[in-house]
Amino acid sequence: MASSLHQIGGIHQHRGDYGAALKHYQQSLKINEELGDHAGVVYTLGQIGNIYFDQGQYDRALKNYEQVKSVSEELGDKSSVSITLHRIGMIYQERGDYEAALKHYEQACKISEELGDRAGVARSLHDIGIIHNDRGDYEAALKHYEQARKISEELGDRAGVAASLHNIGTIHQARGDYGAALQHYEQALKILEELGNRAGVARSLHQIGNIHGERGNYGAALQHYEQSLKIAEELGDRAAIAASRSQIGQVLTQLGRYPEAFEHLLFAGLTFVDLQSPNAKIAAGDLKALRAKWGAKEFDAAWQQATGAAVPEELKT
C-alpha cells in the first residue's frame, strides 16, 4: 500500500498536481513509519521535499532533505546521499549562495561517479553549468551543459536532454544570439510538451517570452509570460509565479501601463524577499525604474495604498 500510494503521488507530481501528490506521499510516509521501513521513509521524505522546493518553500524543503541525508548516511545508501546533496545544492543556488551550491553539487557528482551512476553525473554536471552561467563564465557553463546532454542522449533521458537544450539556450541568449536561443528553447519546449512536464513547459515559455521582450516584440512577450504564469499558478510554484509577474511588470512598464506594472512588480518583489531569493534586488531595481517613469507622486501614492507604509528610501535614490 505504501509503495502504491507513493507511485500514485509520483504521477500527480509529474502532472503538476502538487496537492494530490503531497496527500498520497504523506499517506505513504505514515505507513512506512508504522512499519519501521527506513528506506521507504527516506524515499517519501525526499519526494515531499521536492514538492516543497517546487513550491518555493525552501526552509521546509531543506529540513526534509537534511532528514533524508542523515538517515541515508546511517543506512549506507550512497545513492540517496548523492541525490540529496544535489537537492540541497539547488536550494543554496536559488538563494544565491553559489559557493555552497557548487560544493554540494561537486560532492554529489563525486559519489555518482564512484557508483557508476551516469544519470546522477549528468544531473550534477547540468547544475554545475548553471552556477558557471550565473557567474557569467559562459564557456565553462556550455562545456558542462554539453557533457550533460551527451550523457542524457546516451541514456535515452529525454527530460535531461530538454533541460540541457534549455540551458544551452540561455547561453546563446546571454551572448545576444537570439535566433540560436529561440531554436534551443523551442526544441526543449517540444520535448517537454510530449512528456507532459508542465513545470518545464512553463520555464521554456518564460524564456521564449524573454527573447521576444529583448527584441522589443512586447505583445508576443506578454503572451508567453501569461501562459507561463498560468501554469505556474496551477502548480503553486511561487518562485516561477514571481518570475513571470516580474517580467510582465517590466514589459508593462515599457508600454506605459504603469498601474498594472506596479501591481505585478510589487507582488514579485515581496515574494522574492519572502523566498530569500537574490532576485529581490532585481525586483527593487525594476520598482525604482517604474517610479522614475511613472513619477514619484503617482508611484508613492500607489505604494502607500498597497502597503500602508511610506516608500523605502532605497527605492527613491
Protein backbone atom coordinates (compact mmCIF):
# COMPACT_ATOMS: atom_id res chain seq x y z
CA MET A 1 0.00 0.00 0.00
CA ALA A 2 2.77 2.41 0.91
CA SER A 3 4.58 1.74 -2.35
CA SER A 4 1.43 2.13 -4.42
CA LEU A 5 0.46 5.36 -2.69
CA HIS A 6 3.96 6.69 -3.32
CA GLN A 7 3.79 5.81 -7.03
CA ILE A 8 0.35 7.42 -7.38
CA GLY A 9 1.82 10.51 -5.73
CA GLY A 10 4.59 10.46 -8.32
CA ILE A 11 2.07 10.55 -11.17
CA HIS A 12 0.31 13.56 -9.64
CA GLN A 13 3.65 15.29 -9.08
CA HIS A 14 4.72 14.70 -12.68
CA ARG A 15 1.44 16.22 -13.83
CA GLY A 16 1.97 19.22 -11.58
CA ASP A 17 -0.88 18.44 -9.20
CA TYR A 18 1.19 19.04 -6.07
CA GLY A 19 -1.75 18.97 -3.67
CA ALA A 20 -2.78 15.46 -4.69
CA ALA A 21 0.85 14.33 -4.79
CA LEU A 22 1.53 15.61 -1.28
CA LYS A 23 -1.60 13.88 0.05
CA HIS A 24 -0.51 10.49 -1.32
CA TYR A 25 3.11 10.89 -0.21
CA GLN A 26 2.03 11.72 3.34
CA GLN A 27 -0.23 8.65 3.44
CA SER A 28 2.67 6.53 2.20
CA LEU A 29 5.04 8.11 4.74
CA LYS A 30 2.70 7.33 7.64
CA ILE A 31 2.52 3.64 6.71
CA ASN A 32 6.30 3.40 6.26
CA GLU A 33 6.86 4.97 9.67
CA GLU A 34 4.44 2.49 11.26
CA LEU A 35 6.27 -0.39 9.55
CA GLY A 36 9.70 0.90 10.54
CA ASP A 37 10.67 0.91 6.86
CA HIS A 38 13.52 3.42 6.99
CA ALA A 39 14.29 3.17 3.28
CA GLY A 40 10.64 3.89 2.45
CA VAL A 41 10.61 6.83 4.86
CA VAL A 42 13.72 8.30 3.21
CA TYR A 43 12.29 7.87 -0.28
CA THR A 44 9.00 9.56 0.56
CA LEU A 45 10.52 12.35 2.65
CA GLY A 46 12.70 13.19 -0.32
CA GLN A 47 9.71 13.46 -2.65
CA ILE A 48 7.82 15.64 -0.18
CA GLY A 49 10.91 17.85 0.00
CA ASN A 50 10.89 18.08 -3.79
CA ILE A 51 7.31 19.36 -3.75
CA TYR A 52 8.17 21.98 -1.14
CA PHE A 53 11.11 23.00 -3.32
CA ASP A 54 8.94 23.31 -6.43
CA GLN A 55 6.52 25.46 -4.44
CA GLY A 56 9.31 27.76 -3.25
CA GLN A 57 9.04 26.61 0.38
CA TYR A 58 12.80 26.30 0.72
CA ASP A 59 13.04 26.12 4.52
CA ARG A 60 10.64 23.18 4.64
CA ALA A 61 12.39 21.51 1.71
CA LEU A 62 15.80 21.91 3.36
CA LYS A 63 14.51 20.41 6.59
CA ASN A 64 13.25 17.35 4.69
CA TYR A 65 16.46 16.97 2.73
CA GLU A 66 18.61 17.15 5.85
CA GLN A 67 16.50 14.38 7.43
CA VAL A 68 16.87 12.28 4.30
CA LYS A 69 20.62 12.81 4.19
CA SER A 70 21.04 11.86 7.84
CA VAL A 71 19.02 8.64 7.59
CA SER A 72 20.61 7.71 4.24
CA GLU A 73 24.08 8.03 5.73
CA GLU A 74 23.04 5.77 8.62
CA LEU A 75 21.71 3.21 6.14
CA GLY A 76 24.83 3.44 3.97
CA ASP A 77 22.67 4.44 0.99
CA LYS A 78 25.24 6.41 -1.00
CA SER A 79 22.90 6.88 -3.96
CA SER A 80 20.32 8.63 -1.79
CA VAL A 81 23.05 10.73 -0.17
CA SER A 82 24.20 11.89 -3.62
CA ILE A 83 20.70 12.82 -4.75
CA THR A 84 20.01 14.68 -1.50
CA LEU A 85 23.29 16.60 -1.64
CA HIS A 86 22.28 17.71 -5.12
CA ARG A 87 18.86 18.90 -3.97
CA ILE A 88 20.37 20.81 -1.04
CA GLY A 89 22.70 22.45 -3.55
CA MET A 90 19.68 23.58 -5.54
CA ILE A 91 18.27 25.39 -2.51
CA TYR A 92 21.55 27.24 -1.94
CA GLN A 93 21.61 28.12 -5.63
CA GLU A 94 18.08 29.55 -5.51
CA ARG A 95 19.18 31.72 -2.59
CA GLY A 96 22.26 32.96 -4.43
CA ASP A 97 24.83 31.14 -2.28
CA TYR A 98 26.78 29.79 -5.24
CA GLU A 99 29.80 28.58 -3.26
CA ALA A 100 27.66 26.37 -1.04
CA ALA A 101 25.67 25.17 -4.06
CA LEU A 102 28.81 24.28 -6.01
CA LYS A 103 30.25 22.43 -3.02
CA HIS A 104 27.15 20.25 -2.73
CA TYR A 105 26.96 19.58 -6.48
CA GLU A 106 30.60 18.50 -6.63
CA GLN A 107 30.14 16.19 -3.63
CA ALA A 108 27.09 14.66 -5.31
CA CYS A 109 28.92 14.27 -8.61
CA LYS A 110 31.86 12.52 -6.95
CA ILE A 111 29.58 9.97 -5.28
CA SER A 112 27.67 9.38 -8.53
CA GLU A 113 30.93 8.73 -10.38
CA GLU A 114 32.01 6.23 -7.71
CA LEU A 115 28.67 4.43 -8.05
CA GLY A 116 28.74 4.45 -11.84
CA ASP A 117 25.51 6.44 -11.79
CA ARG A 118 25.72 8.26 -15.13
CA ALA A 119 22.29 9.87 -14.75
CA GLY A 120 23.43 11.33 -11.44
CA VAL A 121 26.64 12.59 -13.02
CA ALA A 122 24.64 14.27 -15.81
CA ARG A 123 22.36 15.88 -13.24
CA SER A 124 25.30 17.34 -11.33
CA LEU A 125 27.13 18.48 -14.47
CA HIS A 126 23.97 20.26 -15.57
CA ASP A 127 23.60 22.24 -12.37
CA ILE A 128 27.32 22.98 -12.05
CA GLY A 129 26.88 24.52 -15.51
CA ILE A 130 24.10 26.71 -14.15
CA ILE A 131 26.42 28.02 -11.43
CA HIS A 132 29.02 28.97 -14.05
CA ASN A 133 26.27 30.54 -16.15
CA ASP A 134 25.04 32.65 -13.24
CA ARG A 135 28.60 33.84 -12.66
CA GLY A 136 29.00 34.83 -16.31
CA ASP A 137 31.53 32.11 -17.20
CA TYR A 138 29.67 31.03 -20.33
CA GLU A 139 32.39 28.80 -21.75
CA ALA A 140 32.55 26.68 -18.59
CA ALA A 141 28.74 26.59 -18.44
CA LEU A 142 28.41 25.49 -22.06
CA LYS A 143 31.05 22.77 -21.54
CA HIS A 144 29.10 21.30 -18.60
CA TYR A 145 25.74 21.54 -20.42
CA GLU A 146 27.10 19.73 -23.47
CA GLN A 147 28.61 16.98 -21.29
CA ALA A 148 25.27 16.56 -19.51
CA ARG A 149 23.34 16.48 -22.78
CA LYS A 150 25.65 13.83 -24.26
CA ILE A 151 25.12 11.53 -21.28
CA SER A 152 21.34 12.12 -21.32
CA GLU A 153 21.16 11.29 -25.04
CA GLU A 154 23.13 8.07 -24.50
CA LEU A 155 20.79 7.11 -21.65
CA GLY A 156 17.66 7.98 -23.62
CA ASP A 157 16.74 10.53 -20.95
CA ARG A 158 14.59 12.95 -22.94
CA ALA A 159 13.83 15.13 -19.92
CA GLY A 160 17.55 15.51 -19.32
CA VAL A 161 18.11 16.39 -22.99
CA ALA A 162 15.36 19.03 -22.78
CA ALA A 163 16.92 20.55 -19.67
CA SER A 164 20.31 20.80 -21.38
CA LEU A 165 18.80 22.28 -24.55
CA HIS A 166 17.01 24.88 -22.44
CA ASN A 167 20.14 25.92 -20.62
CA ILE A 168 22.25 26.00 -23.76
CA GLY A 169 19.60 28.42 -25.00
CA THR A 170 20.30 30.67 -22.02
CA ILE A 171 23.98 30.86 -23.06
CA HIS A 172 23.06 31.97 -26.58
CA GLN A 173 20.59 34.46 -25.13
CA ALA A 174 23.21 35.95 -22.81
CA ARG A 175 25.53 36.36 -25.80
CA GLY A 176 22.82 38.11 -27.81
CA ASP A 177 22.33 35.29 -30.33
CA TYR A 178 18.55 35.31 -30.02
CA GLY A 179 17.93 33.12 -33.05
CA ALA A 180 20.00 30.26 -31.65
CA ALA A 181 18.49 30.77 -28.19
CA LEU A 182 14.95 30.60 -29.55
CA GLN A 183 15.77 27.46 -31.52
CA HIS A 184 17.03 25.67 -28.40
CA TYR A 185 14.09 26.82 -26.25
CA GLU A 186 11.58 25.62 -28.84
CA GLN A 187 13.32 22.23 -29.13
CA ALA A 188 13.18 21.89 -25.35
CA LEU A 189 9.54 23.00 -25.28
CA LYS A 190 8.51 20.39 -27.83
CA ILE A 191 10.09 17.56 -25.81
CA LEU A 192 8.60 18.82 -22.54
CA GLU A 193 5.12 19.07 -24.05
CA GLU A 194 5.41 15.49 -25.33
CA LEU A 195 6.48 14.35 -21.86
CA GLY A 196 3.67 16.27 -20.15
CA ASN A 197 6.22 18.12 -17.99
CA ARG A 198 4.21 21.24 -17.21
CA ALA A 199 6.80 22.86 -14.96
CA GLY A 200 9.36 22.53 -17.74
CA VAL A 201 6.87 23.87 -20.29
CA ALA A 202 6.35 26.93 -18.08
CA ARG A 203 10.11 27.57 -17.89
CA SER A 204 10.53 27.33 -21.66
CA LEU A 205 7.56 29.59 -22.35
CA HIS A 206 9.05 32.11 -19.91
CA GLN A 207 12.41 32.14 -21.68
CA ILE A 208 10.78 32.42 -25.12
CA GLY A 209 8.95 35.44 -23.70
CA ASN A 210 12.32 36.89 -22.70
CA ILE A 211 13.58 36.59 -26.27
CA HIS A 212 10.55 38.42 -27.64
CA GLY A 213 10.90 41.07 -24.94
CA GLU A 214 14.56 41.70 -25.72
CA ARG A 215 13.65 42.03 -29.38
CA GLY A 216 11.02 44.62 -28.49
CA ASN A 217 8.11 42.39 -29.51
CA TYR A 218 6.18 43.13 -26.32
CA GLY A 219 2.89 41.61 -27.42
CA ALA A 220 4.43 38.19 -28.02
CA ALA A 221 6.46 38.52 -24.82
CA LEU A 222 3.34 39.18 -22.75
CA GLN A 223 1.53 36.27 -24.36
CA HIS A 224 4.29 33.82 -23.43
CA TYR A 225 4.73 35.21 -19.91
CA GLU A 226 1.00 34.93 -19.25
CA GLN A 227 0.93 31.32 -20.49
CA SER A 228 3.89 30.53 -18.23
CA LEU A 229 2.25 32.34 -15.30
CA LYS A 230 -0.98 30.38 -15.69
CA ILE A 231 0.86 27.06 -15.45
CA ALA A 232 2.96 28.25 -12.50
CA GLU A 233 -0.18 29.32 -10.65
CA GLU A 234 -1.82 25.95 -11.29
CA LEU A 235 1.33 24.24 -9.96
CA GLY A 236 1.61 26.53 -6.95
CA ASP A 237 5.23 27.34 -7.89
CA ARG A 238 5.81 30.62 -6.04
CA ALA A 239 9.26 31.29 -7.48
CA ALA A 240 8.02 30.81 -11.06
CA ILE A 241 4.93 32.92 -10.38
CA ALA A 242 7.11 35.76 -9.10
CA ALA A 243 9.48 35.42 -12.07
CA SER A 244 6.65 35.65 -14.60
CA ARG A 245 4.97 38.55 -12.85
CA SER A 246 8.30 40.35 -12.64
CA GLN A 247 8.77 40.05 -16.39
CA ILE A 248 5.18 41.05 -17.08
CA GLY A 249 5.75 44.13 -14.91
CA GLN A 250 8.86 45.06 -16.87
CA VAL A 251 7.01 44.81 -20.18
CA LEU A 252 4.05 46.81 -18.89
CA THR A 253 6.48 49.50 -17.71
CA GLN A 254 7.87 49.73 -21.24
CA LEU A 255 4.32 50.01 -22.61
CA GLY A 256 3.46 52.82 -20.19
CA ARG A 257 0.82 50.77 -18.36
CA TYR A 258 2.20 51.88 -15.01
CA PRO A 259 -0.57 50.95 -12.53
CA GLU A 260 -0.66 47.37 -13.88
CA ALA A 261 3.13 47.20 -13.88
CA PHE A 262 3.23 48.34 -10.25
CA GLU A 263 0.87 45.57 -9.15
CA HIS A 264 2.98 42.86 -10.79
CA LEU A 265 6.36 44.23 -9.69
CA LEU A 266 5.28 44.73 -6.08
CA PHE A 267 3.95 41.18 -5.88
CA ALA A 268 7.15 39.80 -7.40
CA GLY A 269 9.38 41.83 -5.10
CA LEU A 270 7.58 40.79 -1.93
CA THR A 271 7.58 37.14 -2.99
CA PHE A 272 11.31 37.17 -3.76
CA VAL A 273 12.02 38.72 -0.37
CA ASP A 274 9.92 36.03 1.33
CA LEU A 275 11.78 33.31 -0.61
CA GLN A 276 15.15 34.86 0.29
CA SER A 277 15.89 34.99 -3.44
CA PRO A 278 18.66 37.16 -4.92
CA ASN A 279 16.04 38.23 -7.47
CA ALA A 280 14.71 40.58 -4.76
CA LYS A 281 17.45 43.04 -5.75
CA ILE A 282 16.37 42.89 -9.38
CA ALA A 283 12.76 43.50 -8.37
CA ALA A 284 13.83 46.54 -6.34
CA GLY A 285 15.63 47.90 -9.40
CA ASP A 286 12.52 47.37 -11.52
CA LEU A 287 10.40 49.26 -8.98
CA LYS A 288 12.88 52.15 -8.99
CA ALA A 289 12.76 52.26 -12.78
CA LEU A 290 8.96 52.29 -12.68
CA ARG A 291 8.97 55.17 -10.16
CA ALA A 292 11.26 57.17 -12.42
CA LYS A 293 8.96 56.69 -15.43
CA TRP A 294 5.59 56.91 -13.71
CA GLY A 295 6.53 59.81 -11.46
CA ALA A 296 7.21 59.95 -7.73
CA LYS A 297 3.77 61.31 -6.84
CA GLU A 298 1.78 58.55 -8.53
CA PHE A 299 4.16 55.77 -7.51
CA ASP A 300 4.34 56.86 -3.88
CA ALA A 301 0.55 57.09 -3.64
CA ALA A 302 0.16 53.59 -5.09
CA TRP A 303 2.79 52.24 -2.68
CA GLN A 304 1.09 53.84 0.31
CA GLN A 305 -2.28 52.45 -0.70
CA ALA A 306 -0.93 48.94 -1.32
CA THR A 307 1.36 48.59 1.69
CA GLY A 308 0.11 51.16 4.19
CA ALA A 309 3.66 52.45 4.54
CA ALA A 310 5.90 55.10 3.05
CA VAL A 311 8.15 54.26 0.11
CA PRO A 312 11.54 52.93 1.35
CA GLU A 313 14.46 55.29 0.80
CA GLU A 314 16.32 52.74 -1.33
CA LEU A 315 13.57 52.98 -3.96
CA LYS A 316 13.88 56.75 -4.13
CA THR A 317 17.61 57.03 -4.87
